């Protein structure tokens, strides 16, 4: 469905310009009248209805993205409830789902988008998003200063239940500047950087070898160990070595729909296809979802 659907009911601006009587009575200079006429005819002065229709087409908040995805908001932006006739309506959802994608993304073909919408908006078994579910998270691109040097860092947040409500909590971070502390983690044994399997018979007296060179400590860790950068982040921050500078970009990762993963990003455009939109869409199984989560969150 084309996005112009949201504008079908928008009146077309009249091309005839009428000079109000009060202007005629005040005898405003003819040059000023011609200037106003020119602005209107050139489209620089837009009708209220035209601006309004664009606002309706933009998905301005993540909460609104949820409502539109689920069919819980009508075409004028009014919130719908279970008692409303259009609530979760298949027709309404179909209209919204078609405008919730970044239509310029090379990652989302029309065929893939259509299959996804058919899966989600099935008449027999429709699928909905749940804001309070734990299978989605936020990714915040941020800038910090570590020992006075500016570094880039990604913060991951999840919703957590708190008493009668919910709150966002920091679940993990990733920073390239911290990678140097985890050199050789998971690497195969190199040269003599290992503890002999009979070390226990010597009461591990050879531990001196293990701690001889800090750069090689990773060789002595189990292969299944995954670096916990969040712990390092907390240590550096609490010691005063790490200072927050700014957050630059936010995106959301969704794993709530069976057999699908999608990403939602914000697009600031002066057109209808803007706001919070699906910027990436991948068909995946449960195991692949776990791998994607681990790759993103480094957990």
C-alpha atoms as a PDB file:
ATOM      1  CA  UNK A   1       0.000   0.000   0.000  1.00  0.00           C
ATOM      2  CA  UNK A   2       1.402   3.430  -0.925  1.00  0.00           C
ATOM      3  CA  UNK A   3       1.903   6.041   1.742  1.00  0.00           C
ATOM      4  CA  UNK A   4      -0.243   8.531  -0.095  1.00  0.00           C
ATOM      5  CA  UNK A   5      -3.229   6.658   1.437  1.00  0.00           C
ATOM      6  CA  UNK A   6      -2.788   8.751   4.561  1.00  0.00           C
ATOM      7  CA  UNK A   7      -3.321  11.869   2.468  1.00  0.00           C
ATOM      8  CA  UNK A   8      -6.333  10.760   0.426  1.00  0.00           C
ATOM      9  CA  UNK A   9      -8.723  12.804   2.526  1.00  0.00           C
ATOM     10  CA  UNK A  10      -6.570  15.927   2.519  1.00  0.00           C
ATOM     11  CA  UNK A  11      -8.306  18.755   0.635  1.00  0.00           C
ATOM     12  CA  UNK A  12      -6.400  20.132  -2.317  1.00  0.00           C
ATOM     13  CA  UNK A  13      -5.348  23.739  -1.860  1.00  0.00           C
ATOM     14  CA  UNK A  14      -7.361  26.058  -4.067  1.00  0.00           C
ATOM     15  CA  UNK A  15      -5.313  27.692  -6.802  1.00  0.00           C
ATOM     16  CA  UNK A  16      -7.441  30.878  -6.834  1.00  0.00           C
ATOM     17  CA  UNK A  17      -6.172  33.538  -4.439  1.00  0.00           C
ATOM     18  CA  UNK A  18      -8.833  35.827  -2.949  1.00  0.00           C
ATOM     19  CA  UNK A  19      -7.768  39.111  -1.377  1.00  0.00           C
ATOM     20  CA  UNK A  20      -9.581  39.547   1.964  1.00  0.00           C
ATOM     21  CA  UNK A  21     -11.813  42.593   2.249  1.00  0.00           C
ATOM     22  CA  UNK A  22      -9.849  44.015   5.178  1.00  0.00           C
ATOM     23  CA  UNK A  23      -6.739  44.122   2.968  1.00  0.00           C
ATOM     24  CA  UNK A  24      -8.678  45.940   0.279  1.00  0.00           C
ATOM     25  CA  UNK A  25     -10.026  48.391   2.809  1.00  0.00           C
ATOM     26  CA  UNK A  26      -6.598  49.117   4.299  1.00  0.00           C
ATOM     27  CA  UNK A  27      -5.259  49.681   0.781  1.00  0.00           C
ATOM     28  CA  UNK A  28      -2.148  47.532   1.338  1.00  0.00           C
ATOM     29  CA  UNK A  29       0.443  48.305  -1.353  1.00  0.00           C
ATOM     30  CA  UNK A  30      -0.079  46.227  -4.458  1.00  0.00           C
ATOM     31  CA  UNK A  31       3.511  44.864  -4.269  1.00  0.00           C
ATOM     32  CA  UNK A  32       2.783  43.263  -0.891  1.00  0.00           C
ATOM     33  CA  UNK A  33      -0.366  41.646  -2.286  1.00  0.00           C
ATOM     34  CA  UNK A  34       1.594  40.288  -5.246  1.00  0.00           C
ATOM     35  CA  UNK A  35       4.220  38.875  -2.872  1.00  0.00           C
ATOM     36  CA  UNK A  36       1.590  37.020  -0.831  1.00  0.00           C
ATOM     37  CA  UNK A  37       0.002  35.716  -4.033  1.00  0.00           C
ATOM     38  CA  UNK A  38       3.384  34.458  -5.234  1.00  0.00           C
ATOM     39  CA  UNK A  39       4.099  32.616  -1.980  1.00  0.00           C
ATOM     40  CA  UNK A  40       0.767  30.826  -2.056  1.00  0.00           C
ATOM     41  CA  UNK A  41       0.960  29.836  -5.698  1.00  0.00           C
ATOM     42  CA  UNK A  42       4.562  28.590  -5.309  1.00  0.00           C
ATOM     43  CA  UNK A  43       3.630  26.330  -2.408  1.00  0.00           C
ATOM     44  CA  UNK A  44       5.793  28.117   0.175  1.00  0.00           C
ATOM     45  CA  UNK A  45       2.688  28.725   2.249  1.00  0.00           C
ATOM     46  CA  UNK A  46       1.162  25.278   2.852  1.00  0.00           C
ATOM     47  CA  UNK A  47      -2.327  24.534   4.018  1.00  0.00           C
ATOM     48  CA  UNK A  48      -2.865  23.373   7.608  1.00  0.00           C
ATOM     49  CA  UNK A  49      -4.460  20.195   6.327  1.00  0.00           C
ATOM     50  CA  UNK A  50      -1.342  19.354   4.285  1.00  0.00           C
ATOM     51  CA  UNK A  51       1.012  19.778   7.247  1.00  0.00           C
ATOM     52  CA  UNK A  52      -1.388  17.830   9.437  1.00  0.00           C
ATOM     53  CA  UNK A  53      -1.503  14.854   7.076  1.00  0.00           C
ATOM     54  CA  UNK A  54       2.295  14.645   7.107  1.00  0.00           C
ATOM     55  CA  UNK A  55       2.315  14.641  10.894  1.00  0.00           C
ATOM     56  CA  UNK A  56      -0.183  11.778  10.891  1.00  0.00           C
ATOM     57  CA  UNK A  57       2.044   9.797   8.519  1.00  0.00           C
ATOM     58  CA  UNK A  58       5.198  10.254  10.633  1.00  0.00           C
ATOM     59  CA  UNK A  59       5.806   7.790  13.461  1.00  0.00           C
ATOM     60  CA  UNK A  60       7.130  10.207  16.031  1.00  0.00           C
ATOM     61  CA  UNK A  61       7.605   7.968  19.092  1.00  0.00           C
ATOM     62  CA  UNK A  62       8.428   4.327  19.800  1.00  0.00           C
ATOM     63  CA  UNK A  63       5.168   4.036  21.745  1.00  0.00           C
ATOM     64  CA  UNK A  64       3.390   5.199  18.601  1.00  0.00           C
ATOM     65  CA  UNK A  65       5.323   2.620  16.573  1.00  0.00           C
ATOM     66  CA  UNK A  66       3.887  -0.061  18.893  1.00  0.00           C
ATOM     67  CA  UNK A  67       0.351   1.287  18.589  1.00  0.00           C
ATOM     68  CA  UNK A  68       0.495   1.474  14.800  1.00  0.00           C
ATOM     69  CA  UNK A  69       2.090  -1.967  14.494  1.00  0.00           C
ATOM     70  CA  UNK A  70      -0.679  -3.446  16.653  1.00  0.00           C
ATOM     71  CA  UNK A  71      -3.568  -1.415  15.205  1.00  0.00           C
ATOM     72  CA  UNK A  72      -4.165   0.564  18.401  1.00  0.00           C
ATOM     73  CA  UNK A  73      -4.261   4.038  16.827  1.00  0.00           C
ATOM     74  CA  UNK A  74      -6.599   5.367  14.147  1.00  0.00           C
ATOM     75  CA  UNK A  75      -5.467   7.309  11.067  1.00  0.00           C
ATOM     76  CA  UNK A  76      -5.859  10.642  12.864  1.00  0.00           C
ATOM     77  CA  UNK A  77      -3.524   9.583  15.667  1.00  0.00           C
ATOM     78  CA  UNK A  78      -6.280   8.887  18.195  1.00  0.00           C
ATOM     79  CA  UNK A  79      -5.557   6.052  20.648  1.00  0.00           C
ATOM     80  CA  UNK A  80      -7.799   2.993  20.234  1.00  0.00           C
ATOM     81  CA  UNK A  81      -8.939   0.685  23.048  1.00  0.00           C
ATOM     82  CA  UNK A  82     -10.490  -2.789  23.150  1.00  0.00           C
ATOM     83  CA  UNK A  83     -13.977  -1.272  23.092  1.00  0.00           C
ATOM     84  CA  UNK A  84     -13.288   0.529  19.795  1.00  0.00           C
ATOM     85  CA  UNK A  85     -14.397  -1.178  16.593  1.00  0.00           C
ATOM     86  CA  UNK A  86     -11.073  -0.656  14.755  1.00  0.00           C
ATOM     87  CA  UNK A  87      -8.916  -1.953  17.632  1.00  0.00           C
ATOM     88  CA  UNK A  88      -6.488  -4.575  16.187  1.00  0.00           C
ATOM     89  CA  UNK A  89      -8.427  -4.373  12.913  1.00  0.00           C
ATOM     90  CA  UNK A  90      -6.724  -6.296  10.111  1.00  0.00           C
ATOM     91  CA  UNK A  91      -7.534  -3.551   7.605  1.00  0.00           C
ATOM     92  CA  UNK A  92      -6.120  -0.806   9.831  1.00  0.00           C
ATOM     93  CA  UNK A  93      -2.988  -2.804  10.633  1.00  0.00           C
ATOM     94  CA  UNK A  94      -2.391  -3.529   6.964  1.00  0.00           C
ATOM     95  CA  UNK A  95      -2.470   0.201   6.231  1.00  0.00           C
ATOM     96  CA  UNK A  96      -0.022   1.020   9.018  1.00  0.00           C
ATOM     97  CA  UNK A  97       2.336  -1.923   8.548  1.00  0.00           C
ATOM     98  CA  UNK A  98       2.992  -0.802   4.991  1.00  0.00           C
ATOM     99  CA  UNK A  99       4.263   2.605   6.149  1.00  0.00           C
ATOM    100  CA  UNK A 100       6.339   1.370   9.109  1.00  0.00           C
ATOM    101  CA  UNK A 101       9.304   0.422   6.909  1.00  0.00           C
ATOM    102  CA  UNK A 102      12.188   2.544   5.714  1.00  0.00           C
ATOM    103  CA  UNK A 103      11.273   2.387   2.040  1.00  0.00           C
ATOM    104  CA  UNK A 104      14.767   3.489   0.976  1.00  0.00           C
ATOM    105  CA  UNK A 105      16.519   0.627   2.792  1.00  0.00           C
ATOM    106  CA  UNK A 106      18.366  -1.778   0.454  1.00  0.00           C
ATOM    107  CA  UNK A 107      18.124  -4.409   3.220  1.00  0.00           C
ATOM    108  CA  UNK A 108      14.353  -4.799   2.869  1.00  0.00           C
ATOM    109  CA  UNK A 109      12.932  -5.974  -0.441  1.00  0.00           C
ATOM    110  CA  UNK A 110       9.251  -5.590  -1.245  1.00  0.00           C
ATOM    111  CA  UNK A 111       8.817  -9.387  -1.326  1.00  0.00           C
ATOM    112  CA  UNK A 112      10.353  -9.776   2.127  1.00  0.00           C
ATOM    113  CA  UNK A 113       8.190  -6.943   3.481  1.00  0.00           C
ATOM    114  CA  UNK A 114       5.043  -8.487   2.029  1.00  0.00           C
ATOM    115  CA  UNK A 115       5.797 -11.925   3.520  1.00  0.00           C
ATOM    116  CA  UNK A 116       6.439 -10.361   6.924  1.00  0.00           C
ATOM    117  CA  UNK A 117       3.134  -8.448   6.828  1.00  0.00           C
ATOM    118  CA  UNK A 118       1.261 -11.613   5.846  1.00  0.00           C
ATOM    119  CA  UNK A 119       2.814 -13.443   8.810  1.00  0.00           C
ATOM    120  CA  UNK A 120       2.102 -10.649  11.265  1.00  0.00           C
ATOM    121  CA  UNK A 121      -1.351  -9.655  10.081  1.00  0.00           C
ATOM    122  CA  UNK A 122      -2.797 -13.099   9.488  1.00  0.00           C
ATOM    123  CA  UNK A 123      -6.560 -13.211   9.930  1.00  0.00           C
ATOM    124  CA  UNK A 124      -6.355 -16.571  11.674  1.00  0.00           C
ATOM    125  CA  UNK A 125      -3.379 -15.954  13.971  1.00  0.00           C
ATOM    126  CA  UNK A 126      -2.294 -12.272  14.072  1.00  0.00           C
ATOM    127  CA  UNK A 127       0.925 -11.390  15.891  1.00  0.00           C
ATOM    128  CA  UNK A 128       1.410  -8.311  18.077  1.00  0.00           C
ATOM    129  CA  UNK A 129       4.246  -6.527  19.845  1.00  0.00           C
ATOM    130  CA  UNK A 130       4.341  -6.331  23.639  1.00  0.00           C
ATOM    131  CA  UNK A 131       6.089  -3.258  25.063  1.00  0.00           C
ATOM    132  CA  UNK A 132       6.699  -4.969  28.415  1.00  0.00           C
ATOM    133  CA  UNK A 133       8.150  -8.193  26.986  1.00  0.00           C
ATOM    134  CA  UNK A 134      11.862  -8.793  27.480  1.00  0.00           C
ATOM    135  CA  UNK A 135      12.724  -9.898  23.946  1.00  0.00           C
ATOM    136  CA  UNK A 136      13.599  -6.440  22.634  1.00  0.00           C
ATOM    137  CA  UNK A 137      16.286  -3.973  23.683  1.00  0.00           C
ATOM    138  CA  UNK A 138      17.686  -0.519  22.988  1.00  0.00           C
ATOM    139  CA  UNK A 139      21.124   0.275  21.586  1.00  0.00           C
ATOM    140  CA  UNK A 140      22.495   3.735  22.433  1.00  0.00           C
ATOM    141  CA  UNK A 141      25.580   5.008  20.619  1.00  0.00           C
ATOM    142  CA  UNK A 142      27.526   7.230  23.042  1.00  0.00           C
ATOM    143  CA  UNK A 143      30.710   9.198  23.533  1.00  0.00           C
ATOM    144  CA  UNK A 144      32.852   9.041  26.689  1.00  0.00           C
ATOM    145  CA  UNK A 145      36.253  10.237  27.792  1.00  0.00           C
ATOM    146  CA  UNK A 146      38.638   7.608  29.164  1.00  0.00           C
ATOM    147  CA  UNK A 147      41.662   9.111  30.896  1.00  0.00           C
ATOM    148  CA  UNK A 148      40.966  12.335  29.009  1.00  0.00           C
ATOM    149  CA  UNK A 149      40.774  10.684  25.571  1.00  0.00           C
ATOM    150  CA  UNK A 150      37.415  10.583  23.762  1.00  0.00           C
ATOM    151  CA  UNK A 151      36.168   7.088  22.908  1.00  0.00           C
ATOM    152  CA  UNK A 152      33.061   5.613  21.308  1.00  0.00           C
ATOM    153  CA  UNK A 153      30.897   3.194  23.275  1.00  0.00           C
ATOM    154  CA  UNK A 154      27.627   1.324  22.722  1.00  0.00           C
ATOM    155  CA  UNK A 155      25.250   0.955  25.669  1.00  0.00           C
ATOM    156  CA  UNK A 156      22.542  -1.725  25.725  1.00  0.00           C
ATOM    157  CA  UNK A 157      19.358  -1.256  27.746  1.00  0.00           C
ATOM    158  CA  UNK A 158      16.497  -3.605  28.620  1.00  0.00           C
ATOM    159  CA  UNK A 159      13.187  -3.064  30.362  1.00  0.00           C
ATOM    160  CA  UNK A 160      12.977  -4.495  33.863  1.00  0.00           C
ATOM    161  CA  UNK A 161       9.921  -4.799  36.073  1.00  0.00           C
ATOM    162  CA  UNK A 162      10.073  -2.558  39.133  1.00  0.00           C
ATOM    163  CA  UNK A 163       7.252  -2.843  41.695  1.00  0.00           C
ATOM    164  CA  UNK A 164       4.097  -1.745  39.858  1.00  0.00           C
ATOM    165  CA  UNK A 165       5.928  -0.458  36.796  1.00  0.00           C
ATOM    166  CA  UNK A 166       9.008  -0.846  34.610  1.00  0.00           C
ATOM    167  CA  UNK A 167      12.367   0.841  34.154  1.00  0.00           C
ATOM    168  CA  UNK A 168      15.231   0.789  31.651  1.00  0.00           C
ATOM    169  CA  UNK A 169      18.409  -0.852  32.995  1.00  0.00           C
ATOM    170  CA  UNK A 170      21.909  -1.035  31.526  1.00  0.00           C
ATOM    171  CA  UNK A 171      22.429  -4.681  30.534  1.00  0.00           C
ATOM    172  CA  UNK A 172      25.801  -4.488  28.781  1.00  0.00           C
ATOM    173  CA  UNK A 173      28.231  -2.256  26.916  1.00  0.00           C
ATOM    174  CA  UNK A 174      30.734  -2.633  24.094  1.00  0.00           C
ATOM    175  CA  UNK A 175      33.826  -0.531  23.578  1.00  0.00           C
ATOM    176  CA  UNK A 176      36.668  -1.169  21.147  1.00  0.00           C
ATOM    177  CA  UNK A 177      39.062   0.566  23.551  1.00  0.00           C
ATOM    178  CA  UNK A 178      38.462  -2.263  26.047  1.00  0.00           C
ATOM    179  CA  UNK A 179      39.355  -5.025  23.567  1.00  0.00           C
ATOM    180  CA  UNK A 180      43.065  -4.797  24.413  1.00  0.00           C
ATOM    181  CA  UNK A 181      42.327  -6.210  27.856  1.00  0.00           C
ATOM    182  CA  UNK A 182      40.993  -9.433  26.344  1.00  0.00           C
ATOM    183  CA  UNK A 183      43.706 -10.356  23.869  1.00  0.00           C
ATOM    184  CA  UNK A 184      43.989 -14.079  23.108  1.00  0.00           C
ATOM    185  CA  UNK A 185      40.741 -14.981  24.922  1.00  0.00           C
ATOM    186  CA  UNK A 186      39.552 -18.221  23.303  1.00  0.00           C
ATOM    187  CA  UNK A 187      42.758 -18.533  21.247  1.00  0.00           C
ATOM    188  CA  UNK A 188      44.438 -21.904  20.807  1.00  0.00           C
ATOM    189  CA  UNK A 189      47.493 -22.604  22.918  1.00  0.00           C
ATOM    190  CA  UNK A 190      50.511 -20.767  21.564  1.00  0.00           C
ATOM    191  CA  UNK A 191      54.021 -21.987  22.368  1.00  0.00           C
ATOM    192  CA  UNK A 192      54.401 -22.447  26.103  1.00  0.00           C
ATOM    193  CA  UNK A 193      51.413 -20.350  27.176  1.00  0.00           C
ATOM    194  CA  UNK A 194      49.478 -23.128  28.920  1.00  0.00           C
ATOM    195  CA  UNK A 195      49.392 -25.018  32.208  1.00  0.00           C
ATOM    196  CA  UNK A 196      50.451 -28.647  32.005  1.00  0.00           C
ATOM    197  CA  UNK A 197      47.585 -31.102  32.712  1.00  0.00           C
ATOM    198  CA  UNK A 198      49.604 -32.508  35.643  1.00  0.00           C
ATOM    199  CA  UNK A 199      49.980 -29.091  37.281  1.00  0.00           C
ATOM    200  CA  UNK A 200      47.662 -30.174  40.083  1.00  0.00           C
ATOM    201  CA  UNK A 201      50.223 -32.757  41.182  1.00  0.00           C
ATOM    202  CA  UNK A 202      52.654 -29.906  41.755  1.00  0.00           C
ATOM    203  CA  UNK A 203      50.092 -27.923  43.765  1.00  0.00           C
ATOM    204  CA  UNK A 204      50.001 -25.492  40.825  1.00  0.00           C
ATOM    205  CA  UNK A 205      53.437 -24.215  41.677  1.00  0.00           C
ATOM    206  CA  UNK A 206      53.820 -23.245  37.993  1.00  0.00           C
ATOM    207  CA  UNK A 207      51.298 -20.390  38.308  1.00  0.00           C
ATOM    208  CA  UNK A 208      54.272 -18.019  38.213  1.00  0.00           C
ATOM    209  CA  UNK A 209      54.508 -18.825  34.510  1.00  0.00           C
ATOM    210  CA  UNK A 210      50.857 -17.948  33.985  1.00  0.00           C
ATOM    211  CA  UNK A 211      51.306 -14.487  35.498  1.00  0.00           C
ATOM    212  CA  UNK A 212      54.689 -13.735  33.983  1.00  0.00           C
ATOM    213  CA  UNK A 213      53.320 -11.640  31.092  1.00  0.00           C
ATOM    214  CA  UNK A 214      50.016  -9.688  31.367  1.00  0.00           C
ATOM    215  CA  UNK A 215      49.653  -9.685  27.562  1.00  0.00           C
ATOM    216  CA  UNK A 216      49.348 -13.485  27.517  1.00  0.00           C
ATOM    217  CA  UNK A 217      46.817 -13.961  30.331  1.00  0.00           C
ATOM    218  CA  UNK A 218      44.032 -14.632  27.805  1.00  0.00           C
ATOM    219  CA  UNK A 219      45.639 -17.928  26.772  1.00  0.00           C
ATOM    220  CA  UNK A 220      44.965 -19.328  30.229  1.00  0.00           C
ATOM    221  CA  UNK A 221      41.205 -18.659  30.218  1.00  0.00           C
ATOM    222  CA  UNK A 222      38.619 -21.293  29.289  1.00  0.00           C
ATOM    223  CA  UNK A 223      37.393 -21.169  25.716  1.00  0.00           C
ATOM    224  CA  UNK A 224      33.788 -20.557  26.775  1.00  0.00           C
ATOM    225  CA  UNK A 225      34.681 -17.384  28.689  1.00  0.00           C
ATOM    226  CA  UNK A 226      33.173 -14.284  27.144  1.00  0.00           C
ATOM    227  CA  UNK A 227      34.653 -10.905  28.132  1.00  0.00           C
ATOM    228  CA  UNK A 228      32.462  -8.911  30.532  1.00  0.00           C
ATOM    229  CA  UNK A 229      33.031  -5.355  29.409  1.00  0.00           C
ATOM    230  CA  UNK A 230      30.256  -4.100  31.684  1.00  0.00           C
ATOM    231  CA  UNK A 231      32.329  -4.993  34.765  1.00  0.00           C
ATOM    232  CA  UNK A 232      35.312  -3.128  33.311  1.00  0.00           C
ATOM    233  CA  UNK A 233      33.053  -0.174  32.469  1.00  0.00           C
ATOM    234  CA  UNK A 234      31.813   0.005  36.076  1.00  0.00           C
ATOM    235  CA  UNK A 235      35.368  -0.188  37.448  1.00  0.00           C
ATOM    236  CA  UNK A 236      36.642   2.610  35.194  1.00  0.00           C
ATOM    237  CA  UNK A 237      33.612   4.780  35.876  1.00  0.00           C
ATOM    238  CA  UNK A 238      33.681   4.358  39.657  1.00  0.00           C
ATOM    239  CA  UNK A 239      37.419   5.055  39.728  1.00  0.00           C
ATOM    240  CA  UNK A 240      36.725   8.353  37.955  1.00  0.00           C
ATOM    241  CA  UNK A 241      38.653   7.443  34.796  1.00  0.00           C
ATOM    242  CA  UNK A 242      35.546   7.350  32.572  1.00  0.00           C
ATOM    243  CA  UNK A 243      33.373  10.424  31.935  1.00  0.00           C
ATOM    244  CA  UNK A 244      30.115  10.557  29.957  1.00  0.00           C
ATOM    245  CA  UNK A 245      30.090  13.083  27.083  1.00  0.00           C
ATOM    246  CA  UNK A 246      26.955  12.533  24.984  1.00  0.00           C
ATOM    247  CA  UNK A 247      24.578  10.055  23.362  1.00  0.00           C
ATOM    248  CA  UNK A 248      24.349  10.323  19.585  1.00  0.00           C
ATOM    249  CA  UNK A 249      22.040   7.703  18.177  1.00  0.00           C
ATOM    250  CA  UNK A 250      19.399   5.222  19.369  1.00  0.00           C
ATOM    251  CA  UNK A 251      18.046   2.112  17.696  1.00  0.00           C
ATOM    252  CA  UNK A 252      15.918  -0.822  18.851  1.00  0.00           C
ATOM    253  CA  UNK A 253      16.248  -4.549  18.192  1.00  0.00           C
ATOM    254  CA  UNK A 254      13.120  -6.723  18.155  1.00  0.00           C
ATOM    255  CA  UNK A 255      12.941 -10.516  18.541  1.00  0.00           C
ATOM    256  CA  UNK A 256       9.266 -10.792  19.513  1.00  0.00           C
ATOM    257  CA  UNK A 257       7.874 -12.034  16.203  1.00  0.00           C
ATOM    258  CA  UNK A 258       8.442 -15.787  15.616  1.00  0.00           C
ATOM    259  CA  UNK A 259      10.903 -16.484  12.771  1.00  0.00           C
ATOM    260  CA  UNK A 260      11.772 -12.792  12.359  1.00  0.00           C
ATOM    261  CA  UNK A 261      14.257 -10.227  13.639  1.00  0.00           C
ATOM    262  CA  UNK A 262      13.927  -6.542  12.835  1.00  0.00           C
ATOM    263  CA  UNK A 263      15.627  -3.298  13.732  1.00  0.00           C
ATOM    264  CA  UNK A 264      13.923   0.062  14.241  1.00  0.00           C
ATOM    265  CA  UNK A 265      15.799   3.339  13.637  1.00  0.00           C
ATOM    266  CA  UNK A 266      14.836   7.004  13.523  1.00  0.00           C
ATOM    267  CA  UNK A 267      14.773   8.863  10.203  1.00  0.00           C
ATOM    268  CA  UNK A 268      14.494  12.644  10.283  1.00  0.00           C
ATOM    269  CA  UNK A 269      13.056  13.499   6.872  1.00  0.00           C
ATOM    270  CA  UNK A 270      10.719  16.178   5.572  1.00  0.00           C
ATOM    271  CA  UNK A 271       8.421  13.566   4.036  1.00  0.00           C
ATOM    272  CA  UNK A 272       5.887  10.975   5.088  1.00  0.00           C
ATOM    273  CA  UNK A 273       8.328   8.048   5.266  1.00  0.00           C
ATOM    274  CA  UNK A 274      10.051   9.332   8.386  1.00  0.00           C
ATOM    275  CA  UNK A 275      10.242   8.887  12.146  1.00  0.00           C
ATOM    276  CA  UNK A 276      10.715   5.451  13.757  1.00  0.00           C
ATOM    277  CA  UNK A 277      10.797   2.871  10.967  1.00  0.00           C
ATOM    278  CA  UNK A 278      11.904  -0.729  10.430  1.00  0.00           C
ATOM    279  CA  UNK A 279      15.382  -0.359   8.906  1.00  0.00           C
ATOM    280  CA  UNK A 280      16.425  -4.013   8.780  1.00  0.00           C
ATOM    281  CA  UNK A 281      14.406  -7.221   8.513  1.00  0.00           C
ATOM    282  CA  UNK A 282      15.765 -10.789   8.624  1.00  0.00           C
ATOM    283  CA  UNK A 283      14.013 -14.149   8.587  1.00  0.00           C
ATOM    284  CA  UNK A 284      15.662 -16.269  11.322  1.00  0.00           C
ATOM    285  CA  UNK A 285      15.114 -19.338  13.480  1.00  0.00           C
ATOM    286  CA  UNK A 286      15.440 -19.408  17.269  1.00  0.00           C
ATOM    287  CA  UNK A 287      19.114 -20.401  17.253  1.00  0.00           C
ATOM    288  CA  UNK A 288      19.974 -17.633  14.810  1.00  0.00           C
ATOM    289  CA  UNK A 289      18.146 -15.166  17.058  1.00  0.00           C
ATOM    290  CA  UNK A 290      20.394 -16.161  19.971  1.00  0.00           C
ATOM    291  CA  UNK A 291      23.468 -15.624  17.819  1.00  0.00           C
ATOM    292  CA  UNK A 292      22.255 -12.190  16.709  1.00  0.00           C
ATOM    293  CA  UNK A 293      21.583 -11.181  20.321  1.00  0.00           C
ATOM    294  CA  UNK A 294      25.060 -12.326  21.347  1.00  0.00           C
ATOM    295  CA  UNK A 295      26.710 -10.529  18.417  1.00  0.00           C
ATOM    296  CA  UNK A 296      24.947  -7.278  19.269  1.00  0.00           C
ATOM    297  CA  UNK A 297      25.093  -7.322  23.051  1.00  0.00           C
ATOM    298  CA  UNK A 298      28.370  -9.291  23.403  1.00  0.00           C
ATOM    299  CA  UNK A 299      26.814 -11.310  26.199  1.00  0.00           C
END
